[in-house]
Amino acid sequence: MGNLVNLVTIADGSKIILQDEDDISLSLISNDGTKDIFQFPYHSGGYGGGSLLLSPSERYVIFSYFSGESEEGFVLLEIVDNQFKFLYDSDYLYGENAHYGFADNERILIQTFRTGSWYIEDAKTDESGDMYYTFGELNLLHLETLNLDRHTILVYPSDDWKEEKTDVGTFLFTDIADGMLSVEMPWGNEIFQYPLQETLIIRFIK
């Protein structure tokens, strides 16, 4: 996870503040006082830190959290009449460096995170003998049903692939348009047909 955000400001001047030094809670505070406090339980996997993200409409707030042991999770809340309404908690999923974004007029929340290493000893081989890596997950939470669809990304490298090429760089959702979902990867943009297959495969030219 990148820079952590513990305070976001809504257009009307209200603020949402994350407090996690002792207990973990979100406070919704306006000029005339505290409107609501939402208390989070500690997950069994521990707590390494968290961050806040408002949706573009400011209707939703994401509290993303991590364990510090290669685990990421998020809670989605809706802001209704100056109150927090709980919608969803993913619990911990194995991975690192999660990013979040909204799509389809905020009907979909998209989560991306890395799960794999790129060193040769971590590579796997398919039934044809071709080498591949498990790169990460691209997950979609449908807000109408609150179902999380998880999609694994597999990458088949080229013969001259440089392991360090993916050690740094961005992995995040950018857009859904014309039946295609775009993702920014460390090596450039990738496009997947939408709706997504359960397993997403990227093959580089040999």
N, C-alpha and C. Protein backbone atom coordinates (compact mmCIF):
# COMPACT_ATOMS: atom_id res chain seq x y z
N MET A 1 0.85 -1.19 0.00
CA MET A 1 0.00 0.00 0.00
C MET A 1 0.88 1.24 0.00
N GLY A 2 0.48 2.25 -0.76
CA GLY A 2 1.29 3.45 -0.90
C GLY A 2 1.12 4.38 0.29
N ASN A 3 1.10 5.70 0.02
CA ASN A 3 0.93 6.68 1.09
C ASN A 3 -0.43 6.50 1.76
N LEU A 4 -0.43 6.44 3.08
CA LEU A 4 -1.66 6.20 3.82
C LEU A 4 -2.40 7.50 4.07
N VAL A 5 -3.72 7.46 3.90
CA VAL A 5 -4.57 8.64 4.07
C VAL A 5 -5.49 8.38 5.27
N ASN A 6 -5.39 9.21 6.29
CA ASN A 6 -6.25 9.01 7.47
C ASN A 6 -7.30 10.10 7.64
N LEU A 7 -7.40 11.00 6.64
CA LEU A 7 -8.43 12.05 6.68
C LEU A 7 -8.84 12.40 5.27
N VAL A 8 -10.14 12.39 5.00
CA VAL A 8 -10.67 12.86 3.71
C VAL A 8 -11.76 13.88 4.00
N THR A 9 -11.89 14.85 3.09
CA THR A 9 -12.84 15.94 3.27
C THR A 9 -13.92 15.86 2.20
N ILE A 10 -15.19 15.97 2.64
CA ILE A 10 -16.33 15.95 1.74
C ILE A 10 -16.61 17.38 1.28
N ALA A 11 -17.34 17.50 0.17
CA ALA A 11 -17.58 18.82 -0.43
C ALA A 11 -18.26 19.79 0.52
N ASP A 12 -19.09 19.29 1.45
CA ASP A 12 -19.78 20.19 2.38
C ASP A 12 -18.90 20.61 3.56
N GLY A 13 -17.65 20.19 3.54
CA GLY A 13 -16.73 20.56 4.61
C GLY A 13 -16.60 19.52 5.72
N SER A 14 -17.47 18.51 5.71
CA SER A 14 -17.36 17.44 6.70
C SER A 14 -16.08 16.64 6.46
N LYS A 15 -15.59 16.02 7.51
CA LYS A 15 -14.36 15.24 7.42
C LYS A 15 -14.60 13.83 7.92
N ILE A 16 -13.93 12.88 7.29
CA ILE A 16 -13.91 11.50 7.77
C ILE A 16 -12.49 11.22 8.24
N ILE A 17 -12.38 10.80 9.50
CA ILE A 17 -11.07 10.64 10.11
C ILE A 17 -10.90 9.19 10.56
N LEU A 18 -9.79 8.59 10.17
CA LEU A 18 -9.41 7.26 10.62
C LEU A 18 -8.54 7.38 11.86
N GLN A 19 -8.93 6.70 12.92
CA GLN A 19 -8.13 6.64 14.15
C GLN A 19 -7.82 5.18 14.44
N ASP A 20 -6.53 4.84 14.51
CA ASP A 20 -6.18 3.43 14.67
C ASP A 20 -4.99 3.20 15.60
N GLU A 21 -4.73 4.16 16.47
CA GLU A 21 -3.62 3.97 17.40
C GLU A 21 -3.97 2.96 18.49
N ASP A 22 -5.19 2.98 18.97
CA ASP A 22 -5.65 2.00 19.96
C ASP A 22 -6.71 1.12 19.31
N ASP A 23 -7.96 1.59 19.34
CA ASP A 23 -9.01 0.93 18.58
C ASP A 23 -8.99 1.45 17.14
N ILE A 24 -9.72 0.78 16.26
CA ILE A 24 -9.81 1.21 14.86
C ILE A 24 -11.22 1.75 14.64
N SER A 25 -11.32 3.03 14.26
CA SER A 25 -12.63 3.62 14.05
C SER A 25 -12.56 4.72 13.00
N LEU A 26 -13.73 4.98 12.39
CA LEU A 26 -13.91 6.13 11.51
C LEU A 26 -14.89 7.08 12.16
N SER A 27 -14.57 8.36 12.12
CA SER A 27 -15.45 9.40 12.64
C SER A 27 -15.87 10.33 11.51
N LEU A 28 -17.16 10.63 11.45
CA LEU A 28 -17.68 11.61 10.50
C LEU A 28 -17.97 12.88 11.28
N ILE A 29 -17.22 13.94 10.96
CA ILE A 29 -17.26 15.16 11.76
C ILE A 29 -17.61 16.35 10.87
N SER A 30 -18.61 17.10 11.29
CA SER A 30 -18.98 18.33 10.59
C SER A 30 -18.65 19.52 11.48
N ASN A 31 -19.01 20.71 11.03
CA ASN A 31 -18.70 21.92 11.79
C ASN A 31 -19.40 21.95 13.14
N ASP A 32 -20.55 21.26 13.26
CA ASP A 32 -21.29 21.30 14.52
C ASP A 32 -21.12 20.02 15.33
N GLY A 33 -20.06 19.26 15.06
CA GLY A 33 -19.77 18.12 15.93
C GLY A 33 -19.68 16.80 15.20
N THR A 34 -19.50 15.74 15.98
CA THR A 34 -19.37 14.38 15.44
C THR A 34 -20.75 13.84 15.09
N LYS A 35 -20.91 13.42 13.84
CA LYS A 35 -22.18 12.89 13.37
C LYS A 35 -22.29 11.39 13.57
N ASP A 36 -21.18 10.66 13.39
CA ASP A 36 -21.22 9.21 13.53
C ASP A 36 -19.81 8.68 13.76
N ILE A 37 -19.75 7.54 14.44
CA ILE A 37 -18.48 6.83 14.62
C ILE A 37 -18.73 5.37 14.27
N PHE A 38 -17.86 4.83 13.43
CA PHE A 38 -17.96 3.42 13.05
C PHE A 38 -16.74 2.69 13.60
N GLN A 39 -16.99 1.69 14.42
CA GLN A 39 -15.92 0.95 15.08
C GLN A 39 -15.64 -0.33 14.31
N PHE A 40 -14.34 -0.59 14.04
CA PHE A 40 -13.94 -1.80 13.33
C PHE A 40 -13.35 -2.80 14.32
N PRO A 41 -13.70 -4.06 14.19
CA PRO A 41 -13.05 -5.07 15.02
C PRO A 41 -11.66 -5.38 14.48
N TYR A 42 -10.76 -5.83 15.33
CA TYR A 42 -9.46 -6.30 14.89
C TYR A 42 -9.63 -7.66 14.23
N HIS A 43 -9.04 -7.81 13.05
CA HIS A 43 -9.07 -9.11 12.39
C HIS A 43 -8.06 -10.04 13.04
N SER A 44 -8.31 -11.33 12.91
CA SER A 44 -7.43 -12.31 13.54
C SER A 44 -6.02 -12.26 12.97
N GLY A 45 -5.90 -11.74 11.74
CA GLY A 45 -4.58 -11.64 11.10
C GLY A 45 -3.76 -10.46 11.57
N GLY A 46 -4.30 -9.67 12.52
CA GLY A 46 -3.58 -8.50 12.99
C GLY A 46 -3.89 -7.27 12.16
N TYR A 47 -3.17 -6.20 12.44
CA TYR A 47 -3.41 -4.92 11.75
C TYR A 47 -2.10 -4.17 11.62
N GLY A 48 -1.72 -3.90 10.38
CA GLY A 48 -0.49 -3.17 10.12
C GLY A 48 -0.70 -1.72 9.74
N GLY A 49 -1.93 -1.37 9.39
CA GLY A 49 -2.22 0.01 8.99
C GLY A 49 -3.41 0.05 8.05
N GLY A 50 -3.89 1.27 7.77
CA GLY A 50 -5.04 1.42 6.90
C GLY A 50 -5.05 2.77 6.23
N SER A 51 -5.99 2.94 5.28
CA SER A 51 -6.07 4.16 4.50
C SER A 51 -7.50 4.37 4.03
N LEU A 52 -7.85 5.63 3.73
CA LEU A 52 -9.20 6.00 3.30
C LEU A 52 -9.22 6.45 1.84
N LEU A 53 -10.34 6.15 1.18
CA LEU A 53 -10.55 6.62 -0.19
C LEU A 53 -12.03 6.90 -0.38
N LEU A 54 -12.35 8.12 -0.82
CA LEU A 54 -13.73 8.49 -1.15
C LEU A 54 -14.03 8.15 -2.60
N SER A 55 -15.26 7.73 -2.87
CA SER A 55 -15.68 7.56 -4.25
C SER A 55 -15.86 8.93 -4.89
N PRO A 56 -15.83 9.02 -6.23
CA PRO A 56 -15.98 10.33 -6.88
C PRO A 56 -17.24 11.09 -6.48
N SER A 57 -18.34 10.38 -6.23
CA SER A 57 -19.59 11.05 -5.84
C SER A 57 -19.62 11.39 -4.36
N GLU A 58 -18.64 10.87 -3.60
CA GLU A 58 -18.57 11.00 -2.14
C GLU A 58 -19.70 10.27 -1.43
N ARG A 59 -20.31 9.34 -2.13
CA ARG A 59 -21.36 8.51 -1.53
C ARG A 59 -20.77 7.36 -0.73
N TYR A 60 -19.59 6.89 -1.17
CA TYR A 60 -18.97 5.73 -0.54
C TYR A 60 -17.58 6.09 -0.02
N VAL A 61 -17.17 5.39 1.02
CA VAL A 61 -15.80 5.52 1.51
C VAL A 61 -15.24 4.11 1.68
N ILE A 62 -14.01 3.93 1.22
CA ILE A 62 -13.30 2.66 1.37
C ILE A 62 -12.29 2.81 2.50
N PHE A 63 -12.33 1.88 3.44
CA PHE A 63 -11.27 1.74 4.42
C PHE A 63 -10.47 0.51 4.03
N SER A 64 -9.29 0.73 3.46
CA SER A 64 -8.42 -0.38 3.08
C SER A 64 -7.41 -0.62 4.20
N TYR A 65 -7.12 -1.88 4.44
CA TYR A 65 -6.25 -2.21 5.57
C TYR A 65 -5.32 -3.36 5.17
N PHE A 66 -4.23 -3.50 5.91
CA PHE A 66 -3.26 -4.56 5.62
C PHE A 66 -2.69 -5.08 6.93
N SER A 67 -2.19 -6.30 6.87
CA SER A 67 -1.69 -6.95 8.08
C SER A 67 -0.21 -6.71 8.31
N GLY A 68 0.52 -6.36 7.25
CA GLY A 68 1.97 -6.31 7.34
C GLY A 68 2.60 -7.66 7.07
N GLU A 69 1.77 -8.67 6.75
CA GLU A 69 2.24 -10.02 6.46
C GLU A 69 1.71 -10.47 5.10
N SER A 70 1.81 -9.58 4.10
CA SER A 70 1.36 -9.88 2.73
C SER A 70 -0.13 -10.22 2.69
N GLU A 71 -0.95 -9.42 3.37
CA GLU A 71 -2.39 -9.59 3.33
C GLU A 71 -3.05 -8.21 3.20
N GLU A 72 -4.07 -8.15 2.35
CA GLU A 72 -4.79 -6.90 2.11
C GLU A 72 -6.28 -7.14 2.25
N GLY A 73 -7.01 -6.12 2.71
CA GLY A 73 -8.45 -6.20 2.81
C GLY A 73 -9.08 -4.82 2.71
N PHE A 74 -10.41 -4.79 2.62
CA PHE A 74 -11.09 -3.49 2.57
C PHE A 74 -12.49 -3.60 3.13
N VAL A 75 -12.96 -2.48 3.67
CA VAL A 75 -14.35 -2.32 4.11
C VAL A 75 -14.97 -1.21 3.27
N LEU A 76 -16.18 -1.45 2.78
CA LEU A 76 -16.91 -0.44 2.03
C LEU A 76 -18.08 0.05 2.86
N LEU A 77 -18.15 1.38 3.04
CA LEU A 77 -19.24 2.02 3.76
C LEU A 77 -19.95 3.01 2.85
N GLU A 78 -21.23 3.15 3.04
CA GLU A 78 -22.02 4.18 2.35
C GLU A 78 -22.33 5.28 3.35
N ILE A 79 -22.28 6.54 2.89
CA ILE A 79 -22.60 7.68 3.75
C ILE A 79 -24.04 8.09 3.45
N VAL A 80 -24.92 7.90 4.43
CA VAL A 80 -26.34 8.19 4.26
C VAL A 80 -26.80 9.09 5.40
N ASP A 81 -27.23 10.31 5.06
CA ASP A 81 -27.72 11.26 6.07
C ASP A 81 -26.74 11.41 7.23
N ASN A 82 -25.47 11.64 6.88
CA ASN A 82 -24.41 11.86 7.86
C ASN A 82 -24.20 10.66 8.79
N GLN A 83 -24.51 9.47 8.29
CA GLN A 83 -24.27 8.25 9.04
C GLN A 83 -23.53 7.25 8.15
N PHE A 84 -22.72 6.39 8.79
CA PHE A 84 -22.05 5.32 8.06
C PHE A 84 -22.98 4.12 7.97
N LYS A 85 -23.10 3.57 6.77
CA LYS A 85 -23.85 2.33 6.55
C LYS A 85 -22.88 1.26 6.06
N PHE A 86 -22.74 0.20 6.84
CA PHE A 86 -21.83 -0.87 6.46
C PHE A 86 -22.39 -1.64 5.27
N LEU A 87 -21.51 -1.88 4.26
CA LEU A 87 -21.91 -2.64 3.09
C LEU A 87 -21.14 -3.95 2.92
N TYR A 88 -19.82 -3.91 3.14
CA TYR A 88 -19.02 -5.09 2.79
C TYR A 88 -17.67 -5.05 3.47
N ASP A 89 -17.18 -6.23 3.87
CA ASP A 89 -15.83 -6.40 4.39
C ASP A 89 -15.22 -7.61 3.70
N SER A 90 -14.13 -7.42 3.00
CA SER A 90 -13.50 -8.51 2.24
C SER A 90 -12.74 -9.48 3.14
N ASP A 91 -12.41 -9.05 4.35
CA ASP A 91 -11.45 -9.76 5.21
C ASP A 91 -10.11 -9.81 4.47
N TYR A 92 -9.12 -10.48 5.06
CA TYR A 92 -7.80 -10.48 4.45
C TYR A 92 -7.74 -11.41 3.25
N LEU A 93 -7.10 -10.92 2.19
CA LEU A 93 -6.77 -11.70 1.01
C LEU A 93 -5.26 -11.66 0.85
N TYR A 94 -4.67 -12.76 0.41
CA TYR A 94 -3.21 -12.82 0.28
C TYR A 94 -2.76 -11.92 -0.87
N GLY A 95 -1.86 -10.98 -0.58
CA GLY A 95 -1.33 -10.09 -1.60
C GLY A 95 -0.76 -8.83 -0.99
N GLU A 96 -0.22 -7.97 -1.87
CA GLU A 96 0.40 -6.72 -1.44
C GLU A 96 0.09 -5.60 -2.43
N ASN A 97 0.24 -4.36 -1.94
CA ASN A 97 0.14 -3.16 -2.79
C ASN A 97 -1.23 -3.06 -3.47
N ALA A 98 -2.29 -3.11 -2.67
CA ALA A 98 -3.65 -3.02 -3.21
C ALA A 98 -3.97 -1.60 -3.67
N HIS A 99 -4.74 -1.52 -4.75
CA HIS A 99 -5.30 -0.26 -5.23
C HIS A 99 -6.80 -0.46 -5.47
N TYR A 100 -7.54 0.67 -5.42
CA TYR A 100 -8.99 0.61 -5.54
C TYR A 100 -9.49 1.69 -6.48
N GLY A 101 -10.59 1.40 -7.16
CA GLY A 101 -11.21 2.38 -8.04
C GLY A 101 -12.65 1.99 -8.31
N PHE A 102 -13.45 2.96 -8.73
CA PHE A 102 -14.86 2.72 -9.04
C PHE A 102 -15.08 2.78 -10.55
N ALA A 103 -16.09 2.01 -10.99
CA ALA A 103 -16.42 1.98 -12.42
C ALA A 103 -17.93 1.87 -12.58
N ASP A 104 -18.38 2.09 -13.81
CA ASP A 104 -19.79 1.91 -14.17
C ASP A 104 -20.69 2.73 -13.25
N ASN A 105 -20.39 4.03 -13.16
CA ASN A 105 -21.18 4.94 -12.33
C ASN A 105 -21.28 4.46 -10.88
N GLU A 106 -20.16 3.96 -10.39
CA GLU A 106 -20.02 3.51 -9.00
C GLU A 106 -20.90 2.30 -8.69
N ARG A 107 -21.21 1.52 -9.71
CA ARG A 107 -21.89 0.25 -9.47
C ARG A 107 -20.90 -0.88 -9.24
N ILE A 108 -19.61 -0.62 -9.53
CA ILE A 108 -18.57 -1.64 -9.36
C ILE A 108 -17.38 -1.01 -8.64
N LEU A 109 -16.88 -1.70 -7.64
CA LEU A 109 -15.62 -1.34 -6.99
C LEU A 109 -14.57 -2.34 -7.44
N ILE A 110 -13.43 -1.85 -7.91
CA ILE A 110 -12.38 -2.72 -8.43
C ILE A 110 -11.16 -2.67 -7.52
N GLN A 111 -10.68 -3.84 -7.16
CA GLN A 111 -9.50 -3.99 -6.31
C GLN A 111 -8.41 -4.71 -7.11
N THR A 112 -7.19 -4.21 -7.07
CA THR A 112 -6.05 -4.90 -7.67
C THR A 112 -4.96 -5.05 -6.62
N PHE A 113 -4.25 -6.17 -6.66
CA PHE A 113 -3.08 -6.32 -5.81
C PHE A 113 -2.16 -7.41 -6.37
N ARG A 114 -0.89 -7.31 -5.98
CA ARG A 114 0.12 -8.26 -6.41
C ARG A 114 0.10 -9.48 -5.50
N THR A 115 0.35 -10.66 -6.09
CA THR A 115 0.44 -11.88 -5.29
C THR A 115 1.71 -12.66 -5.56
N GLY A 116 2.36 -12.45 -6.68
CA GLY A 116 3.46 -13.33 -7.07
C GLY A 116 4.81 -12.65 -7.10
N SER A 117 5.84 -13.48 -7.03
CA SER A 117 7.22 -13.04 -7.23
C SER A 117 7.65 -13.39 -8.65
N TRP A 118 8.70 -12.73 -9.09
CA TRP A 118 9.10 -12.87 -10.49
C TRP A 118 10.45 -13.56 -10.66
N TYR A 119 10.94 -14.19 -9.62
CA TYR A 119 12.21 -14.88 -9.74
C TYR A 119 11.98 -16.27 -10.31
N ILE A 120 12.94 -16.77 -11.01
CA ILE A 120 12.79 -18.00 -11.78
C ILE A 120 12.34 -19.16 -10.91
N GLU A 121 12.79 -19.17 -9.64
CA GLU A 121 12.41 -20.28 -8.76
C GLU A 121 10.94 -20.23 -8.37
N ASP A 122 10.26 -19.11 -8.61
CA ASP A 122 8.84 -18.98 -8.30
C ASP A 122 7.95 -19.27 -9.50
N ALA A 123 8.55 -19.52 -10.65
CA ALA A 123 7.76 -19.77 -11.85
C ALA A 123 7.10 -21.16 -11.78
N LYS A 124 5.98 -21.27 -12.49
CA LYS A 124 5.28 -22.55 -12.61
C LYS A 124 5.29 -22.96 -14.08
N THR A 125 4.93 -24.19 -14.34
CA THR A 125 4.91 -24.72 -15.70
C THR A 125 3.54 -25.31 -15.98
N ASP A 126 2.95 -24.95 -17.13
CA ASP A 126 1.63 -25.48 -17.47
C ASP A 126 1.77 -26.85 -18.14
N GLU A 127 0.65 -27.41 -18.54
CA GLU A 127 0.64 -28.77 -19.10
C GLU A 127 1.37 -28.86 -20.43
N SER A 128 1.60 -27.71 -21.08
CA SER A 128 2.35 -27.70 -22.34
C SER A 128 3.85 -27.48 -22.12
N GLY A 129 4.24 -27.29 -20.87
CA GLY A 129 5.64 -27.06 -20.57
C GLY A 129 6.06 -25.61 -20.63
N ASP A 130 5.09 -24.71 -20.80
CA ASP A 130 5.41 -23.29 -20.87
C ASP A 130 5.45 -22.70 -19.46
N MET A 131 6.42 -21.81 -19.22
CA MET A 131 6.61 -21.20 -17.91
C MET A 131 5.70 -19.98 -17.75
N TYR A 132 5.14 -19.82 -16.55
CA TYR A 132 4.31 -18.65 -16.27
C TYR A 132 4.46 -18.26 -14.81
N TYR A 133 4.03 -17.02 -14.50
CA TYR A 133 4.03 -16.49 -13.14
C TYR A 133 2.60 -16.11 -12.76
N THR A 134 2.27 -16.26 -11.49
CA THR A 134 1.03 -15.71 -10.96
C THR A 134 1.32 -14.28 -10.53
N PHE A 135 0.76 -13.33 -11.26
CA PHE A 135 1.09 -11.93 -11.03
C PHE A 135 0.29 -11.29 -9.91
N GLY A 136 -1.04 -11.47 -9.95
CA GLY A 136 -1.87 -10.77 -8.97
C GLY A 136 -3.34 -11.09 -9.17
N GLU A 137 -4.17 -10.31 -8.51
CA GLU A 137 -5.62 -10.46 -8.63
C GLU A 137 -6.25 -9.16 -9.07
N LEU A 138 -7.31 -9.29 -9.86
CA LEU A 138 -8.15 -8.18 -10.30
C LEU A 138 -9.57 -8.56 -9.88
N ASN A 139 -10.09 -7.90 -8.84
CA ASN A 139 -11.34 -8.30 -8.22
C ASN A 139 -12.40 -7.22 -8.35
N LEU A 140 -13.63 -7.65 -8.59
CA LEU A 140 -14.73 -6.71 -8.81
C LEU A 140 -15.82 -6.96 -7.78
N LEU A 141 -16.14 -5.94 -7.00
CA LEU A 141 -17.26 -5.99 -6.08
C LEU A 141 -18.45 -5.29 -6.73
N HIS A 142 -19.52 -6.04 -6.98
CA HIS A 142 -20.73 -5.48 -7.59
C HIS A 142 -21.61 -4.94 -6.47
N LEU A 143 -21.82 -3.65 -6.47
CA LEU A 143 -22.49 -3.03 -5.33
C LEU A 143 -23.98 -3.38 -5.25
N GLU A 144 -24.59 -3.78 -6.37
CA GLU A 144 -26.01 -4.14 -6.31
C GLU A 144 -26.21 -5.46 -5.58
N THR A 145 -25.27 -6.38 -5.73
CA THR A 145 -25.40 -7.71 -5.12
C THR A 145 -24.43 -7.91 -3.96
N LEU A 146 -23.39 -7.07 -3.89
CA LEU A 146 -22.31 -7.19 -2.92
C LEU A 146 -21.59 -8.53 -3.02
N ASN A 147 -21.48 -9.01 -4.27
CA ASN A 147 -20.69 -10.20 -4.57
C ASN A 147 -19.32 -9.77 -5.08
N LEU A 148 -18.27 -10.42 -4.56
CA LEU A 148 -16.90 -10.13 -5.00
C LEU A 148 -16.47 -11.21 -5.98
N ASP A 149 -16.22 -10.81 -7.22
CA ASP A 149 -15.70 -11.72 -8.24
C ASP A 149 -14.19 -11.58 -8.29
N ARG A 150 -13.48 -12.69 -8.02
CA ARG A 150 -12.01 -12.66 -7.97
C ARG A 150 -11.44 -13.27 -9.25
N HIS A 151 -10.42 -12.59 -9.79
CA HIS A 151 -9.81 -13.00 -11.05
C HIS A 151 -8.29 -13.01 -10.89
N THR A 152 -7.67 -14.14 -11.20
CA THR A 152 -6.23 -14.30 -11.10
C THR A 152 -5.58 -13.95 -12.43
N ILE A 153 -4.48 -13.21 -12.39
CA ILE A 153 -3.74 -12.85 -13.60
C ILE A 153 -2.48 -13.70 -13.68
N LEU A 154 -2.33 -14.43 -14.78
CA LEU A 154 -1.14 -15.21 -15.06
C LEU A 154 -0.37 -14.55 -16.20
N VAL A 155 0.95 -14.49 -16.07
CA VAL A 155 1.79 -13.87 -17.09
C VAL A 155 2.78 -14.90 -17.63
N TYR A 156 2.76 -15.06 -18.95
CA TYR A 156 3.74 -15.90 -19.64
C TYR A 156 4.82 -15.00 -20.20
N PRO A 157 6.03 -15.03 -19.65
CA PRO A 157 7.07 -14.09 -20.07
C PRO A 157 7.69 -14.48 -21.41
N SER A 158 8.34 -13.53 -22.04
CA SER A 158 9.11 -13.80 -23.26
C SER A 158 10.44 -14.42 -22.88
N ASP A 159 11.16 -14.93 -23.89
CA ASP A 159 12.44 -15.59 -23.62
C ASP A 159 13.47 -14.63 -23.04
N ASP A 160 13.37 -13.35 -23.39
CA ASP A 160 14.35 -12.37 -22.89
C ASP A 160 13.79 -11.54 -21.72
N TRP A 161 12.81 -12.09 -21.01
CA TRP A 161 12.17 -11.37 -19.91
C TRP A 161 13.17 -11.04 -18.81
N LYS A 162 13.10 -9.81 -18.34
CA LYS A 162 13.96 -9.37 -17.25
C LYS A 162 13.14 -9.39 -15.95
N GLU A 163 13.61 -10.16 -14.98
CA GLU A 163 12.85 -10.30 -13.74
C GLU A 163 12.59 -8.96 -13.07
N GLU A 164 13.58 -8.07 -13.12
CA GLU A 164 13.44 -6.80 -12.42
C GLU A 164 12.45 -5.86 -13.09
N LYS A 165 11.95 -6.24 -14.26
CA LYS A 165 11.04 -5.38 -15.00
C LYS A 165 9.73 -5.15 -14.25
N THR A 166 9.35 -6.07 -13.39
CA THR A 166 8.08 -5.92 -12.67
C THR A 166 8.28 -5.72 -11.18
N ASP A 167 9.51 -5.52 -10.74
CA ASP A 167 9.73 -5.30 -9.31
C ASP A 167 9.14 -3.98 -8.84
N VAL A 168 9.05 -3.01 -9.74
CA VAL A 168 8.46 -1.71 -9.42
C VAL A 168 7.44 -1.36 -10.49
N GLY A 169 6.57 -0.44 -10.17
CA GLY A 169 5.59 0.00 -11.17
C GLY A 169 4.17 -0.18 -10.66
N THR A 170 3.25 0.35 -11.42
CA THR A 170 1.86 0.45 -11.01
C THR A 170 1.04 -0.73 -11.51
N PHE A 171 0.12 -1.19 -10.68
CA PHE A 171 -0.87 -2.18 -11.08
C PHE A 171 -2.22 -1.70 -10.57
N LEU A 172 -3.01 -1.09 -11.47
CA LEU A 172 -4.31 -0.57 -11.05
C LEU A 172 -5.27 -0.48 -12.22
N PHE A 173 -6.55 -0.49 -11.90
CA PHE A 173 -7.61 -0.36 -12.89
C PHE A 173 -7.65 1.06 -13.44
N THR A 174 -7.91 1.19 -14.75
CA THR A 174 -8.01 2.52 -15.34
C THR A 174 -9.37 2.83 -15.94
N ASP A 175 -10.04 1.82 -16.60
CA ASP A 175 -11.28 2.18 -17.29
C ASP A 175 -12.02 0.92 -17.73
N ILE A 176 -13.34 1.04 -17.85
CA ILE A 176 -14.16 0.06 -18.55
C ILE A 176 -14.92 0.80 -19.64
N ALA A 177 -14.74 0.37 -20.88
CA ALA A 177 -15.42 1.04 -21.99
C ALA A 177 -15.53 0.06 -23.16
N ASP A 178 -16.70 0.08 -23.82
CA ASP A 178 -16.91 -0.71 -25.04
C ASP A 178 -16.60 -2.18 -24.82
N GLY A 179 -17.00 -2.71 -23.66
CA GLY A 179 -16.81 -4.12 -23.40
C GLY A 179 -15.38 -4.52 -23.10
N MET A 180 -14.53 -3.57 -22.78
CA MET A 180 -13.14 -3.86 -22.48
C MET A 180 -12.75 -3.19 -21.16
N LEU A 181 -11.95 -3.90 -20.36
CA LEU A 181 -11.46 -3.37 -19.09
C LEU A 181 -9.97 -3.14 -19.20
N SER A 182 -9.54 -1.91 -18.88
CA SER A 182 -8.13 -1.53 -19.02
C SER A 182 -7.45 -1.50 -17.66
N VAL A 183 -6.23 -2.00 -17.62
CA VAL A 183 -5.45 -2.04 -16.40
C VAL A 183 -4.05 -1.54 -16.69
N GLU A 184 -3.53 -0.68 -15.82
CA GLU A 184 -2.15 -0.23 -15.94
C GLU A 184 -1.25 -1.20 -15.21
N MET A 185 -0.28 -1.75 -15.94
CA MET A 185 0.66 -2.72 -15.39
C MET A 185 2.06 -2.10 -15.36
N PRO A 186 3.01 -2.70 -14.66
CA PRO A 186 4.36 -2.12 -14.62
C PRO A 186 4.99 -1.94 -16.00
N TRP A 187 4.62 -2.76 -16.96
CA TRP A 187 5.23 -2.69 -18.30
C TRP A 187 4.36 -1.95 -19.31
N GLY A 188 3.17 -1.48 -18.89
CA GLY A 188 2.29 -0.77 -19.81
C GLY A 188 0.84 -1.17 -19.59
N ASN A 189 -0.05 -0.74 -20.47
CA ASN A 189 -1.48 -1.03 -20.32
C ASN A 189 -1.82 -2.40 -20.89
N GLU A 190 -2.75 -3.07 -20.20
CA GLU A 190 -3.31 -4.33 -20.68
C GLU A 190 -4.82 -4.17 -20.74
N ILE A 191 -5.45 -4.85 -21.72
CA ILE A 191 -6.89 -4.75 -21.92
C ILE A 191 -7.48 -6.15 -21.89
N PHE A 192 -8.55 -6.33 -21.11
CA PHE A 192 -9.23 -7.61 -21.00
C PHE A 192 -10.68 -7.45 -21.44
N GLN A 193 -11.20 -8.48 -22.10
CA GLN A 193 -12.60 -8.45 -22.50
C GLN A 193 -13.48 -8.54 -21.26
N TYR A 194 -14.50 -7.72 -21.22
CA TYR A 194 -15.40 -7.64 -20.08
C TYR A 194 -16.80 -8.09 -20.47
N PRO A 195 -17.49 -8.97 -19.71
CA PRO A 195 -17.14 -9.52 -18.41
C PRO A 195 -15.88 -10.38 -18.47
N LEU A 196 -15.20 -10.48 -17.31
CA LEU A 196 -13.90 -11.11 -17.25
C LEU A 196 -14.01 -12.62 -17.08
N GLN A 197 -13.01 -13.32 -17.63
CA GLN A 197 -12.83 -14.73 -17.32
C GLN A 197 -12.29 -14.86 -15.91
N GLU A 198 -12.44 -16.02 -15.30
CA GLU A 198 -11.94 -16.22 -13.94
C GLU A 198 -10.42 -16.10 -13.89
N THR A 199 -9.75 -16.65 -14.91
CA THR A 199 -8.30 -16.55 -15.02
C THR A 199 -7.96 -15.68 -16.22
N LEU A 200 -7.15 -14.65 -15.99
CA LEU A 200 -6.75 -13.72 -17.05
C LEU A 200 -5.30 -14.00 -17.42
N ILE A 201 -5.05 -14.21 -18.70
CA ILE A 201 -3.72 -14.62 -19.15
C ILE A 201 -3.11 -13.55 -20.03
N ILE A 202 -1.86 -13.19 -19.71
CA ILE A 202 -1.09 -12.26 -20.53
C ILE A 202 0.10 -13.04 -21.09
N ARG A 203 0.24 -13.05 -22.40
CA ARG A 203 1.35 -13.74 -23.04
C ARG A 203 2.20 -12.73 -23.80
N PHE A 204 3.48 -12.72 -23.50
CA PHE A 204 4.42 -11.89 -24.25
C PHE A 204 5.00 -12.70 -25.40
N ILE A 205 5.33 -12.02 -26.46
CA ILE A 205 5.86 -12.68 -27.66
C ILE A 205 7.17 -13.34 -27.32
N LYS A 206 7.29 -14.61 -27.72
CA LYS A 206 8.52 -15.36 -27.47
C LYS A 206 9.66 -14.83 -28.33
